[in-house]
Amino acid sequence: QLQLVESGGGLVQPGGSLRLSCAASGFTLDYYAIGWFRQAPGKEREGVSCISRSGSTTNYADSVKGRFTISRDNAKNTVYLQMNSLKPEDTAVYYCAADAFISKTMCVMTRGQYWGQGTQVTVSS
């Protein structure tokens, strides 16, 4: 069974940090670019970041550039999203998605074939 499981969400004060994990089971992430997405109440889902199969290319939404860092450990079949300097507007359910890509150096923040169930991130004092 192909599955992505996010973890690491929670409640954090403004200015704080969290690290989200996206672990795959039933398939290897080597063949997939990985994206992180988020959806806040009443808003559409938006792409936050993505990382290519090789890890050599990363992209970020303007709203998180300089604060969030995406990385991957293919040996652990896991992708991470380090979130620093969190703001209340970062509050959302965060999802990871696996996106099949022939290229090892490309990724996009607009699609995914396999999705996790999401993890809640709440930034509040």
PDB file of N, CA and C in Angstrom:
ATOM      1  N   GLN A   1       0.848  -1.189   0.000  1.00  0.00           N
ATOM      2  CA  GLN A   1       0.000   0.000   0.000  1.00  0.00           C
ATOM      3  C   GLN A   1       0.882   1.236   0.000  1.00  0.00           C
ATOM      4  N   LEU A   2       0.653   2.116  -0.979  1.00  0.00           N
ATOM      5  CA  LEU A   2       1.432   3.328  -1.095  1.00  0.00           C
ATOM      6  C   LEU A   2       0.896   4.363  -0.120  1.00  0.00           C
ATOM      7  N   GLN A   3       1.791   4.911   0.695  1.00  0.00           N
ATOM      8  CA  GLN A   3       1.321   5.825   1.729  1.00  0.00           C
ATOM      9  C   GLN A   3       2.373   6.879   2.042  1.00  0.00           C
ATOM     10  N   LEU A   4       1.901   8.111   2.262  1.00  0.00           N
ATOM     11  CA  LEU A   4       2.740   9.190   2.777  1.00  0.00           C
ATOM     12  C   LEU A   4       2.156   9.614   4.121  1.00  0.00           C
ATOM     13  N   VAL A   5       3.021   9.787   5.094  1.00  0.00           N
ATOM     14  CA  VAL A   5       2.557  10.167   6.428  1.00  0.00           C
ATOM     15  C   VAL A   5       3.342  11.383   6.894  1.00  0.00           C
ATOM     16  N   GLU A   6       2.610  12.453   7.160  1.00  0.00           N
ATOM     17  CA  GLU A   6       3.230  13.660   7.691  1.00  0.00           C
ATOM     18  C   GLU A   6       3.222  13.627   9.219  1.00  0.00           C
ATOM     19  N   SER A   7       4.216  14.261   9.805  1.00  0.00           N
ATOM     20  CA  SER A   7       4.267  14.397  11.254  1.00  0.00           C
ATOM     21  C   SER A   7       5.053  15.658  11.599  1.00  0.00           C
ATOM     22  N   GLY A   8       4.973  16.053  12.854  1.00  0.00           N
ATOM     23  CA  GLY A   8       5.750  17.188  13.316  1.00  0.00           C
ATOM     24  C   GLY A   8       4.969  18.474  13.507  1.00  0.00           C
ATOM     25  N   GLY A   9       3.697  18.455  13.158  1.00  0.00           N
ATOM     26  CA  GLY A   9       2.895  19.646  13.355  1.00  0.00           C
ATOM     27  C   GLY A   9       2.595  19.886  14.828  1.00  0.00           C
ATOM     28  N   GLY A  10       1.998  21.042  15.101  1.00  0.00           N
ATOM     29  CA  GLY A  10       1.644  21.352  16.473  1.00  0.00           C
ATOM     30  C   GLY A  10       1.366  22.821  16.657  1.00  0.00           C
ATOM     31  N   LEU A  11       1.317  23.218  17.911  1.00  0.00           N
ATOM     32  CA  LEU A  11       1.073  24.611  18.281  1.00  0.00           C
ATOM     33  C   LEU A  11       2.404  25.257  18.638  1.00  0.00           C
ATOM     34  N   VAL A  12       2.676  26.395  18.054  1.00  0.00           N
ATOM     35  CA  VAL A  12       3.933  27.099  18.309  1.00  0.00           C
ATOM     36  C   VAL A  12       3.654  28.589  18.366  1.00  0.00           C
ATOM     37  N   GLN A  13       4.429  29.304  19.146  1.00  0.00           N
ATOM     38  CA  GLN A  13       4.279  30.752  19.245  1.00  0.00           C
ATOM     39  C   GLN A  13       4.893  31.442  18.023  1.00  0.00           C
ATOM     40  N   PRO A  14       4.421  32.625  17.710  1.00  0.00           N
ATOM     41  CA  PRO A  14       5.041  33.394  16.612  1.00  0.00           C
ATOM     42  C   PRO A  14       6.532  33.540  16.842  1.00  0.00           C
ATOM     43  N   GLY A  15       7.288  33.349  15.770  1.00  0.00           N
ATOM     44  CA  GLY A  15       8.738  33.387  15.866  1.00  0.00           C
ATOM     45  C   GLY A  15       9.365  32.041  16.136  1.00  0.00           C
ATOM     46  N   GLY A  16       8.554  31.056  16.452  1.00  0.00           N
ATOM     47  CA  GLY A  16       9.066  29.731  16.765  1.00  0.00           C
ATOM     48  C   GLY A  16       9.339  28.897  15.531  1.00  0.00           C
ATOM     49  N   SER A  17       9.730  27.646  15.777  1.00  0.00           N
ATOM     50  CA  SER A  17      10.111  26.742  14.692  1.00  0.00           C
ATOM     51  C   SER A  17       9.436  25.388  14.843  1.00  0.00           C
ATOM     52  N   LEU A  18       9.254  24.731  13.726  1.00  0.00           N
ATOM     53  CA  LEU A  18       8.788  23.354  13.675  1.00  0.00           C
ATOM     54  C   LEU A  18       9.490  22.664  12.517  1.00  0.00           C
ATOM     55  N   ARG A  19       9.653  21.372  12.630  1.00  0.00           N
ATOM     56  CA  ARG A  19      10.146  20.582  11.503  1.00  0.00           C
ATOM     57  C   ARG A  19       9.131  19.505  11.170  1.00  0.00           C
ATOM     58  N   LEU A  20       8.618  19.591   9.972  1.00  0.00           N
ATOM     59  CA  LEU A  20       7.674  18.583   9.493  1.00  0.00           C
ATOM     60  C   LEU A  20       8.421  17.475   8.775  1.00  0.00           C
ATOM     61  N   SER A  21       7.908  16.262   8.911  1.00  0.00           N
ATOM     62  CA  SER A  21       8.461  15.108   8.209  1.00  0.00           C
ATOM     63  C   SER A  21       7.395  14.493   7.327  1.00  0.00           C
ATOM     64  N   CYS A  22       7.839  13.939   6.225  1.00  0.00           N
ATOM     65  CA  CYS A  22       6.957  13.244   5.290  1.00  0.00           C
ATOM     66  C   CYS A  22       7.619  11.905   4.986  1.00  0.00           C
ATOM     67  N   ALA A  23       7.083  10.856   5.551  1.00  0.00           N
ATOM     68  CA  ALA A  23       7.672   9.523   5.403  1.00  0.00           C
ATOM     69  C   ALA A  23       6.836   8.686   4.447  1.00  0.00           C
ATOM     70  N   ALA A  24       7.510   7.985   3.558  1.00  0.00           N
ATOM     71  CA  ALA A  24       6.835   7.144   2.580  1.00  0.00           C
ATOM     72  C   ALA A  24       6.922   5.684   2.980  1.00  0.00           C
ATOM     73  N   SER A  25       5.857   4.972   2.706  1.00  0.00           N
ATOM     74  CA  SER A  25       5.870   3.521   2.879  1.00  0.00           C
ATOM     75  C   SER A  25       5.207   2.881   1.680  1.00  0.00           C
ATOM     76  N   GLY A  26       5.693   1.699   1.311  1.00  0.00           N
ATOM     77  CA  GLY A  26       5.130   1.003   0.170  1.00  0.00           C
ATOM     78  C   GLY A  26       5.730   1.412  -1.161  1.00  0.00           C
ATOM     79  N   PHE A  27       6.566   2.417  -1.177  1.00  0.00           N
ATOM     80  CA  PHE A  27       7.254   2.822  -2.398  1.00  0.00           C
ATOM     81  C   PHE A  27       8.472   3.651  -2.021  1.00  0.00           C
ATOM     82  N   THR A  28       9.388   3.784  -2.960  1.00  0.00           N
ATOM     83  CA  THR A  28      10.580   4.567  -2.691  1.00  0.00           C
ATOM     84  C   THR A  28      10.425   5.966  -3.253  1.00  0.00           C
ATOM     85  N   LEU A  29      10.872   6.939  -2.478  1.00  0.00           N
ATOM     86  CA  LEU A  29      10.752   8.328  -2.903  1.00  0.00           C
ATOM     87  C   LEU A  29      11.788   8.722  -3.952  1.00  0.00           C
ATOM     88  N   ASP A  30      12.740   7.826  -4.234  1.00  0.00           N
ATOM     89  CA  ASP A  30      13.802   8.159  -5.189  1.00  0.00           C
ATOM     90  C   ASP A  30      13.262   8.624  -6.534  1.00  0.00           C
ATOM     91  N   TYR A  31      12.099   8.112  -6.926  1.00  0.00           N
ATOM     92  CA  TYR A  31      11.576   8.408  -8.252  1.00  0.00           C
ATOM     93  C   TYR A  31      10.605   9.577  -8.269  1.00  0.00           C
ATOM     94  N   TYR A  32      10.520  10.284  -7.144  1.00  0.00           N
ATOM     95  CA  TYR A  32       9.522  11.336  -7.022  1.00  0.00           C
ATOM     96  C   TYR A  32      10.120  12.644  -6.535  1.00  0.00           C
ATOM     97  N   ALA A  33       9.697  13.721  -7.185  1.00  0.00           N
ATOM     98  CA  ALA A  33       9.866  15.020  -6.560  1.00  0.00           C
ATOM     99  C   ALA A  33       8.810  15.120  -5.461  1.00  0.00           C
ATOM    100  N   ILE A  34       9.087  15.897  -4.440  1.00  0.00           N
ATOM    101  CA  ILE A  34       8.167  16.010  -3.318  1.00  0.00           C
ATOM    102  C   ILE A  34       7.802  17.467  -3.099  1.00  0.00           C
ATOM    103  N   GLY A  35       6.531  17.685  -2.903  1.00  0.00           N
ATOM    104  CA  GLY A  35       6.055  19.033  -2.618  1.00  0.00           C
ATOM    105  C   GLY A  35       5.379  19.105  -1.264  1.00  0.00           C
ATOM    106  N   TRP A  36       5.484  20.271  -0.659  1.00  0.00           N
ATOM    107  CA  TRP A  36       4.707  20.573   0.540  1.00  0.00           C
ATOM    108  C   TRP A  36       3.651  21.615   0.167  1.00  0.00           C
ATOM    109  N   PHE A  37       2.447  21.387   0.643  1.00  0.00           N
ATOM    110  CA  PHE A  37       1.323  22.260   0.375  1.00  0.00           C
ATOM    111  C   PHE A  37       0.660  22.591   1.707  1.00  0.00           C
ATOM    112  N   ARG A  38      -0.137  23.631   1.719  1.00  0.00           N
ATOM    113  CA  ARG A  38      -0.887  23.944   2.925  1.00  0.00           C
ATOM    114  C   ARG A  38      -2.245  24.501   2.555  1.00  0.00           C
ATOM    115  N   GLN A  39      -3.183  24.309   3.473  1.00  0.00           N
ATOM    116  CA  GLN A  39      -4.524  24.837   3.280  1.00  0.00           C
ATOM    117  C   GLN A  39      -5.042  25.384   4.593  1.00  0.00           C
ATOM    118  N   ALA A  40      -5.306  26.669   4.601  1.00  0.00           N
ATOM    119  CA  ALA A  40      -5.872  27.328   5.765  1.00  0.00           C
ATOM    120  C   ALA A  40      -7.389  27.334   5.652  1.00  0.00           C
ATOM    121  N   PRO A  41      -8.091  27.435   6.767  1.00  0.00           N
ATOM    122  CA  PRO A  41      -9.560  27.442   6.724  1.00  0.00           C
ATOM    123  C   PRO A  41     -10.094  28.530   5.798  1.00  0.00           C
ATOM    124  N   GLY A  42     -10.989  28.146   4.907  1.00  0.00           N
ATOM    125  CA  GLY A  42     -11.596  29.115   4.016  1.00  0.00           C
ATOM    126  C   GLY A  42     -10.737  29.543   2.856  1.00  0.00           C
ATOM    127  N   LYS A  43      -9.554  28.948   2.728  1.00  0.00           N
ATOM    128  CA  LYS A  43      -8.652  29.326   1.640  1.00  0.00           C
ATOM    129  C   LYS A  43      -8.343  28.120   0.760  1.00  0.00           C
ATOM    130  N   GLU A  44      -7.885  28.402  -0.435  1.00  0.00           N
ATOM    131  CA  GLU A  44      -7.487  27.337  -1.336  1.00  0.00           C
ATOM    132  C   GLU A  44      -6.135  26.769  -0.928  1.00  0.00           C
ATOM    133  N   ARG A  45      -5.910  25.532  -1.323  1.00  0.00           N
ATOM    134  CA  ARG A  45      -4.612  24.926  -1.072  1.00  0.00           C
ATOM    135  C   ARG A  45      -3.538  25.651  -1.880  1.00  0.00           C
ATOM    136  N   GLU A  46      -2.384  25.854  -1.277  1.00  0.00           N
ATOM    137  CA  GLU A  46      -1.294  26.529  -1.973  1.00  0.00           C
ATOM    138  C   GLU A  46      -0.003  25.729  -1.834  1.00  0.00           C
ATOM    139  N   GLY A  47       0.815  25.821  -2.869  1.00  0.00           N
ATOM    140  CA  GLY A  47       2.120  25.185  -2.820  1.00  0.00           C
ATOM    141  C   GLY A  47       3.057  25.998  -1.959  1.00  0.00           C
ATOM    142  N   VAL A  48       3.814  25.317  -1.099  1.00  0.00           N
ATOM    143  CA  VAL A  48       4.736  25.976  -0.188  1.00  0.00           C
ATOM    144  C   VAL A  48       6.176  25.799  -0.658  1.00  0.00           C
ATOM    145  N   SER A  49       6.519  24.553  -1.013  1.00  0.00           N
ATOM    146  CA  SER A  49       7.891  24.267  -1.392  1.00  0.00           C
ATOM    147  C   SER A  49       7.925  22.942  -2.136  1.00  0.00           C
ATOM    148  N   CYS A  50       8.992  22.720  -2.888  1.00  0.00           N
ATOM    149  CA  CYS A  50       9.191  21.417  -3.512  1.00  0.00           C
ATOM    150  C   CYS A  50      10.677  21.142  -3.643  1.00  0.00           C
ATOM    151  N   ILE A  51      10.999  19.856  -3.809  1.00  0.00           N
ATOM    152  CA  ILE A  51      12.382  19.443  -3.936  1.00  0.00           C
ATOM    153  C   ILE A  51      12.462  18.377  -5.011  1.00  0.00           C
ATOM    154  N   SER A  52      13.468  18.461  -5.850  1.00  0.00           N
ATOM    155  CA  SER A  52      13.613  17.517  -6.951  1.00  0.00           C
ATOM    156  C   SER A  52      14.063  16.146  -6.442  1.00  0.00           C
ATOM    157  N   ARG A  53      14.047  15.167  -7.322  1.00  0.00           N
ATOM    158  CA  ARG A  53      14.436  13.799  -6.958  1.00  0.00           C
ATOM    159  C   ARG A  53      15.847  13.761  -6.389  1.00  0.00           C
ATOM    160  N   SER A  54      16.741  14.505  -6.986  1.00  0.00           N
ATOM    161  CA  SER A  54      18.132  14.480  -6.532  1.00  0.00           C
ATOM    162  C   SER A  54      18.373  15.375  -5.326  1.00  0.00           C
ATOM    163  N   GLY A  55      17.439  16.267  -5.069  1.00  0.00           N
ATOM    164  CA  GLY A  55      17.630  17.247  -3.998  1.00  0.00           C
ATOM    165  C   GLY A  55      18.370  18.484  -4.440  1.00  0.00           C
ATOM    166  N   SER A  56      18.782  18.529  -5.716  1.00  0.00           N
ATOM    167  CA  SER A  56      19.591  19.641  -6.191  1.00  0.00           C
ATOM    168  C   SER A  56      18.786  20.895  -6.467  1.00  0.00           C
ATOM    169  N   THR A  57      17.478  20.733  -6.661  1.00  0.00           N
ATOM    170  CA  THR A  57      16.616  21.880  -6.948  1.00  0.00           C
ATOM    171  C   THR A  57      15.531  21.982  -5.893  1.00  0.00           C
ATOM    172  N   THR A  58      15.382  23.176  -5.361  1.00  0.00           N
ATOM    173  CA  THR A  58      14.303  23.450  -4.423  1.00  0.00           C
ATOM    174  C   THR A  58      13.614  24.743  -4.845  1.00  0.00           C
ATOM    175  N   ASN A  59      12.335  24.799  -4.615  1.00  0.00           N
ATOM    176  CA  ASN A  59      11.547  25.993  -4.912  1.00  0.00           C
ATOM    177  C   ASN A  59      10.707  26.344  -3.691  1.00  0.00           C
ATOM    178  N   TYR A  60      10.440  27.642  -3.535  1.00  0.00           N
ATOM    179  CA  TYR A  60       9.663  28.103  -2.390  1.00  0.00           C
ATOM    180  C   TYR A  60       8.659  29.158  -2.826  1.00  0.00           C
ATOM    181  N   ALA A  61       7.530  29.156  -2.159  1.00  0.00           N
ATOM    182  CA  ALA A  61       6.588  30.255  -2.334  1.00  0.00           C
ATOM    183  C   ALA A  61       7.217  31.520  -1.759  1.00  0.00           C
ATOM    184  N   ASP A  62       6.885  32.652  -2.340  1.00  0.00           N
ATOM    185  CA  ASP A  62       7.455  33.921  -1.872  1.00  0.00           C
ATOM    186  C   ASP A  62       7.180  34.154  -0.389  1.00  0.00           C
ATOM    187  N   SER A  63       6.040  33.689   0.069  1.00  0.00           N
ATOM    188  CA  SER A  63       5.632  33.937   1.452  1.00  0.00           C
ATOM    189  C   SER A  63       6.487  33.207   2.479  1.00  0.00           C
ATOM    190  N   VAL A  64       7.252  32.195   2.043  1.00  0.00           N
ATOM    191  CA  VAL A  64       8.053  31.419   2.995  1.00  0.00           C
ATOM    192  C   VAL A  64       9.541  31.469   2.699  1.00  0.00           C
ATOM    193  N   LYS A  65       9.932  32.114   1.615  1.00  0.00           N
ATOM    194  CA  LYS A  65      11.359  32.196   1.264  1.00  0.00           C
ATOM    195  C   LYS A  65      12.153  32.816   2.391  1.00  0.00           C
ATOM    196  N   GLY A  66      13.290  32.187   2.685  1.00  0.00           N
ATOM    197  CA  GLY A  66      14.152  32.682   3.751  1.00  0.00           C
ATOM    198  C   GLY A  66      13.769  32.191   5.129  1.00  0.00           C
ATOM    199  N   ARG A  67      12.594  31.576   5.249  1.00  0.00           N
ATOM    200  CA  ARG A  67      12.142  31.068   6.549  1.00  0.00           C
ATOM    201  C   ARG A  67      12.013  29.547   6.572  1.00  0.00           C
ATOM    202  N   PHE A  68      11.620  28.969   5.446  1.00  0.00           N
ATOM    203  CA  PHE A  68      11.412  27.526   5.354  1.00  0.00           C
ATOM    204  C   PHE A  68      12.539  26.892   4.532  1.00  0.00           C
ATOM    205  N   THR A  69      12.898  25.674   4.900  1.00  0.00           N
ATOM    206  CA  THR A  69      13.902  24.922   4.160  1.00  0.00           C
ATOM    207  C   THR A  69      13.423  23.492   3.958  1.00  0.00           C
ATOM    208  N   ILE A  70      13.407  23.060   2.712  1.00  0.00           N
ATOM    209  CA  ILE A  70      13.011  21.696   2.404  1.00  0.00           C
ATOM    210  C   ILE A  70      14.266  20.863   2.170  1.00  0.00           C
ATOM    211  N   SER A  71      14.223  19.611   2.595  1.00  0.00           N
ATOM    212  CA  SER A  71      15.354  18.709   2.388  1.00  0.00           C
ATOM    213  C   SER A  71      14.825  17.289   2.293  1.00  0.00           C
ATOM    214  N   ARG A  72      15.684  16.397   1.840  1.00  0.00           N
ATOM    215  CA  ARG A  72      15.261  15.007   1.729  1.00  0.00           C
ATOM    216  C   ARG A  72      16.408  14.083   2.093  1.00  0.00           C
ATOM    217  N   ASP A  73      16.021  12.934   2.625  1.00  0.00           N
ATOM    218  CA  ASP A  73      16.961  11.861   2.945  1.00  0.00           C
ATOM    219  C   ASP A  73      16.400  10.611   2.283  1.00  0.00           C
ATOM    220  N   ASN A  74      16.892  10.332   1.082  1.00  0.00           N
ATOM    221  CA  ASN A  74      16.351   9.189   0.339  1.00  0.00           C
ATOM    222  C   ASN A  74      16.643   7.866   1.036  1.00  0.00           C
ATOM    223  N   ALA A  75      17.722   7.806   1.771  1.00  0.00           N
ATOM    224  CA  ALA A  75      18.037   6.573   2.494  1.00  0.00           C
ATOM    225  C   ALA A  75      16.976   6.273   3.555  1.00  0.00           C
ATOM    226  N   LYS A  76      16.393   7.335   4.107  1.00  0.00           N
ATOM    227  CA  LYS A  76      15.336   7.175   5.113  1.00  0.00           C
ATOM    228  C   LYS A  76      13.946   7.289   4.494  1.00  0.00           C
ATOM    229  N   ASN A  77      13.925   7.517   3.167  1.00  0.00           N
ATOM    230  CA  ASN A  77      12.631   7.624   2.473  1.00  0.00           C
ATOM    231  C   ASN A  77      11.760   8.721   3.085  1.00  0.00           C
ATOM    232  N   THR A  78      12.386   9.818   3.416  1.00  0.00           N
ATOM    233  CA  THR A  78      11.712  10.883   4.153  1.00  0.00           C
ATOM    234  C   THR A  78      12.115  12.254   3.609  1.00  0.00           C
ATOM    235  N   VAL A  79      11.151  13.154   3.606  1.00  0.00           N
ATOM    236  CA  VAL A  79      11.394  14.546   3.232  1.00  0.00           C
ATOM    237  C   VAL A  79      11.019  15.415   4.422  1.00  0.00           C
ATOM    238  N   TYR A  80      11.748  16.505   4.596  1.00  0.00           N
ATOM    239  CA  TYR A  80      11.536  17.381   5.743  1.00  0.00           C
ATOM    240  C   TYR A  80      11.211  18.802   5.290  1.00  0.00           C
ATOM    241  N   LEU A  81      10.500  19.509   6.148  1.00  0.00           N
ATOM    242  CA  LEU A  81      10.278  20.935   5.945  1.00  0.00           C
ATOM    243  C   LEU A  81      10.593  21.629   7.267  1.00  0.00           C
ATOM    244  N   GLN A  82      11.730  22.303   7.308  1.00  0.00           N
ATOM    245  CA  GLN A  82      12.110  23.076   8.479  1.00  0.00           C
ATOM    246  C   GLN A  82      11.480  24.453   8.368  1.00  0.00           C
ATOM    247  N   MET A  83      10.686  24.800   9.362  1.00  0.00           N
ATOM    248  CA  MET A  83       9.961  26.062   9.340  1.00  0.00           C
ATOM    249  C   MET A  83      10.430  26.930  10.499  1.00  0.00           C
ATOM    250  N   ASN A  84      11.041  28.047  10.185  1.00  0.00           N
ATOM    251  CA  ASN A  84      11.533  28.981  11.192  1.00  0.00           C
ATOM    252  C   ASN A  84      10.785  30.301  11.098  1.00  0.00           C
ATOM    253  N   SER A  85      10.929  31.103  12.141  1.00  0.00           N
ATOM    254  CA  SER A  85      10.295  32.437  12.168  1.00  0.00           C
ATOM    255  C   SER A  85       8.825  32.350  11.782  1.00  0.00           C
ATOM    256  N   LEU A  86       8.133  31.416  12.385  1.00  0.00           N
ATOM    257  CA  LEU A  86       6.739  31.176  12.016  1.00  0.00           C
ATOM    258  C   LEU A  86       5.860  32.363  12.354  1.00  0.00           C
ATOM    259  N   LYS A  87       4.867  32.579  11.501  1.00  0.00           N
ATOM    260  CA  LYS A  87       3.927  33.685  11.648  1.00  0.00           C
ATOM    261  C   LYS A  87       2.517  33.122  11.785  1.00  0.00           C
ATOM    262  N   PRO A  88       1.608  33.879  12.373  1.00  0.00           N
ATOM    263  CA  PRO A  88       0.222  33.397  12.463  1.00  0.00           C
ATOM    264  C   PRO A  88      -0.366  33.031  11.108  1.00  0.00           C
ATOM    265  N   GLU A  89       0.034  33.717  10.068  1.00  0.00           N
ATOM    266  CA  GLU A  89      -0.494  33.405   8.728  1.00  0.00           C
ATOM    267  C   GLU A  89       0.045  32.092   8.158  1.00  0.00           C
ATOM    268  N   ASP A  90       0.983  31.452   8.855  1.00  0.00           N
ATOM    269  CA  ASP A  90       1.440  30.126   8.445  1.00  0.00           C
ATOM    270  C   ASP A  90       0.519  29.025   8.968  1.00  0.00           C
ATOM    271  N   THR A  91      -0.439  29.395   9.800  1.00  0.00           N
ATOM    272  CA  THR A  91      -1.377  28.416  10.337  1.00  0.00           C
ATOM    273  C   THR A  91      -2.170  27.756   9.225  1.00  0.00           C
ATOM    274  N   ALA A  92      -2.131  26.431   9.188  1.00  0.00           N
ATOM    275  CA  ALA A  92      -2.794  25.676   8.127  1.00  0.00           C
ATOM    276  C   ALA A  92      -2.577  24.189   8.374  1.00  0.00           C
ATOM    277  N   VAL A  93      -3.281  23.376   7.597  1.00  0.00           N
ATOM    278  CA  VAL A  93      -2.956  21.957   7.512  1.00  0.00           C
ATOM    279  C   VAL A  93      -1.913  21.814   6.408  1.00  0.00           C
ATOM    280  N   TYR A  94      -0.829  21.148   6.727  1.00  0.00           N
ATOM    281  CA  TYR A  94       0.273  20.970   5.776  1.00  0.00           C
ATOM    282  C   TYR A  94       0.252  19.541   5.237  1.00  0.00           C
ATOM    283  N   TYR A  95       0.380  19.449   3.934  1.00  0.00           N
ATOM    284  CA  TYR A  95       0.372  18.169   3.242  1.00  0.00           C
ATOM    285  C   TYR A  95       1.651  17.999   2.432  1.00  0.00           C
ATOM    286  N   CYS A  96       2.112  16.761   2.332  1.00  0.00           N
ATOM    287  CA  CYS A  96       3.168  16.478   1.375  1.00  0.00           C
ATOM    288  C   CYS A  96       2.579  15.634   0.245  1.00  0.00           C
ATOM    289  N   ALA A  97       3.211  15.738  -0.901  1.00  0.00           N
ATOM    290  CA  ALA A  97       2.740  15.006  -2.073  1.00  0.00           C
ATOM    291  C   ALA A  97       3.934  14.542  -2.889  1.00  0.00           C
ATOM    292  N   ALA A  98       3.828  13.353  -3.421  1.00  0.00           N
ATOM    293  CA  ALA A  98       4.862  12.781  -4.281  1.00  0.00           C
ATOM    294  C   ALA A  98       4.460  12.969  -5.734  1.00  0.00           C
ATOM    295  N   ASP A  99       5.386  13.468  -6.516  1.00  0.00           N
ATOM    296  CA  ASP A  99       5.125  13.837  -7.905  1.00  0.00           C
ATOM    297  C   ASP A  99       6.135  13.125  -8.789  1.00  0.00           C
ATOM    298  N   ALA A 100       5.664  12.161  -9.585  1.00  0.00           N
ATOM    299  CA  ALA A 100       6.569  11.399 -10.442  1.00  0.00           C
ATOM    300  C   ALA A 100       7.214  12.307 -11.478  1.00  0.00           C
ATOM    301  N   PHE A 101       8.543  12.256 -11.571  1.00  0.00           N
ATOM    302  CA  PHE A 101       9.283  13.102 -12.494  1.00  0.00           C
ATOM    303  C   PHE A 101      10.399  12.285 -13.126  1.00  0.00           C
ATOM    304  N   ILE A 102      10.497  12.332 -14.436  1.00  0.00           N
ATOM    305  CA  ILE A 102      11.631  11.698 -15.097  1.00  0.00           C
ATOM    306  C   ILE A 102      12.913  12.457 -14.751  1.00  0.00           C
ATOM    307  N   SER A 103      12.828  13.784 -14.821  1.00  0.00           N
ATOM    308  CA  SER A 103      13.993  14.607 -14.502  1.00  0.00           C
ATOM    309  C   SER A 103      14.345  14.491 -13.026  1.00  0.00           C
ATOM    310  N   LYS A 104      15.616  14.433 -12.730  1.00  0.00           N
ATOM    311  CA  LYS A 104      16.067  14.399 -11.332  1.00  0.00           C
ATOM    312  C   LYS A 104      16.295  15.789 -10.774  1.00  0.00           C
ATOM    313  N   THR A 105      16.159  16.815 -11.629  1.00  0.00           N
ATOM    314  CA  THR A 105      16.508  18.172 -11.203  1.00  0.00           C
ATOM    315  C   THR A 105      15.358  19.167 -11.332  1.00  0.00           C
ATOM    316  N   MET A 106      14.146  18.672 -11.425  1.00  0.00           N
ATOM    317  CA  MET A 106      12.997  19.571 -11.547  1.00  0.00           C
ATOM    318  C   MET A 106      11.955  19.250 -10.500  1.00  0.00           C
ATOM    319  N   CYS A 107      11.201  20.257 -10.122  1.00  0.00           N
ATOM    320  CA  CYS A 107      10.029  20.049  -9.279  1.00  0.00           C
ATOM    321  C   CYS A 107       9.088  21.226  -9.494  1.00  0.00           C
ATOM    322  N   VAL A 108       7.817  20.991  -9.211  1.00  0.00           N
ATOM    323  CA  VAL A 108       6.811  22.052  -9.303  1.00  0.00           C
ATOM    324  C   VAL A 108       5.939  21.985  -8.064  1.00  0.00           C
ATOM    325  N   MET A 109       5.330  23.090  -7.732  1.00  0.00           N
ATOM    326  CA  MET A 109       4.493  23.150  -6.527  1.00  0.00           C
ATOM    327  C   MET A 109       3.012  23.200  -6.897  1.00  0.00           C
ATOM    328  N   THR A 110       2.668  22.437  -7.934  1.00  0.00           N
ATOM    329  CA  THR A 110       1.287  22.514  -8.406  1.00  0.00           C
ATOM    330  C   THR A 110       0.586  21.179  -8.511  1.00  0.00           C
ATOM    331  N   ARG A 111       1.274  20.081  -8.214  1.00  0.00           N
ATOM    332  CA  ARG A 111       0.628  18.788  -8.435  1.00  0.00           C
ATOM    333  C   ARG A 111       1.264  17.709  -7.568  1.00  0.00           C
ATOM    334  N   GLY A 112       0.572  16.576  -7.492  1.00  0.00           N
ATOM    335  CA  GLY A 112       1.114  15.418  -6.801  1.00  0.00           C
ATOM    336  C   GLY A 112       0.248  14.223  -7.109  1.00  0.00           C
ATOM    337  N   GLN A 113       0.880  13.051  -7.187  1.00  0.00           N
ATOM    338  CA  GLN A 113       0.122  11.828  -7.455  1.00  0.00           C
ATOM    339  C   GLN A 113      -0.307  11.131  -6.166  1.00  0.00           C
ATOM    340  N   TYR A 114       0.526  11.212  -5.162  1.00  0.00           N
ATOM    341  CA  TYR A 114       0.204  10.592  -3.882  1.00  0.00           C
ATOM    342  C   TYR A 114       0.271  11.661  -2.795  1.00  0.00           C
ATOM    343  N   TRP A 115      -0.710  11.647  -1.928  1.00  0.00           N
ATOM    344  CA  TRP A 115      -0.829  12.671  -0.901  1.00  0.00           C
ATOM    345  C   TRP A 115      -0.896  12.049   0.491  1.00  0.00           C
ATOM    346  N   GLY A 116      -0.340  12.787   1.459  1.00  0.00           N
ATOM    347  CA  GLY A 116      -0.502  12.395   2.841  1.00  0.00           C
ATOM    348  C   GLY A 116      -1.814  12.917   3.401  1.00  0.00           C
ATOM    349  N   GLN A 117      -2.050  12.606   4.661  1.00  0.00           N
ATOM    350  CA  GLN A 117      -3.321  12.972   5.292  1.00  0.00           C
ATOM    351  C   GLN A 117      -3.280  14.363   5.908  1.00  0.00           C
ATOM    352  N   GLY A 118      -2.098  14.929   6.030  1.00  0.00           N
ATOM    353  CA  GLY A 118      -1.952  16.280   6.543  1.00  0.00           C
ATOM    354  C   GLY A 118      -1.601  16.329   8.021  1.00  0.00           C
ATOM    355  N   THR A 119      -0.937  17.416   8.405  1.00  0.00           N
ATOM    356  CA  THR A 119      -0.619  17.667   9.802  1.00  0.00           C
ATOM    357  C   THR A 119      -0.904  19.134  10.101  1.00  0.00           C
ATOM    358  N   GLN A 120      -1.538  19.388  11.234  1.00  0.00           N
ATOM    359  CA  GLN A 120      -1.960  20.745  11.576  1.00  0.00           C
ATOM    360  C   GLN A 120      -0.793  21.536  12.163  1.00  0.00           C
ATOM    361  N   VAL A 121      -0.616  22.734  11.657  1.00  0.00           N
ATOM    362  CA  VAL A 121       0.335  23.685  12.211  1.00  0.00           C
ATOM    363  C   VAL A 121      -0.439  24.919  12.648  1.00  0.00           C
ATOM    364  N   THR A 122      -0.316  25.265  13.914  1.00  0.00           N
ATOM    365  CA  THR A 122      -1.000  26.436  14.456  1.00  0.00           C
ATOM    366  C   THR A 122       0.031  27.358  15.085  1.00  0.00           C
ATOM    367  N   VAL A 123       0.055  28.594  14.606  1.00  0.00           N
ATOM    368  CA  VAL A 123       0.990  29.596  15.122  1.00  0.00           C
ATOM    369  C   VAL A 123       0.173  30.647  15.856  1.00  0.00           C
ATOM    370  N   SER A 124       0.320  30.658  17.165  1.00  0.00           N
ATOM    371  CA  SER A 124      -0.504  31.552  17.968  1.00  0.00           C
ATOM    372  C   SER A 124       0.161  31.783  19.318  1.00  0.00           C
ATOM    373  N   SER A 125      -0.070  32.966  19.849  1.00  0.00           N
ATOM    374  CA  SER A 125       0.442  33.271  21.183  1.00  0.00           C
ATOM    375  C   SER A 125      -0.625  33.007  22.240  1.00  0.00           C
TER     376      SER A 125
END
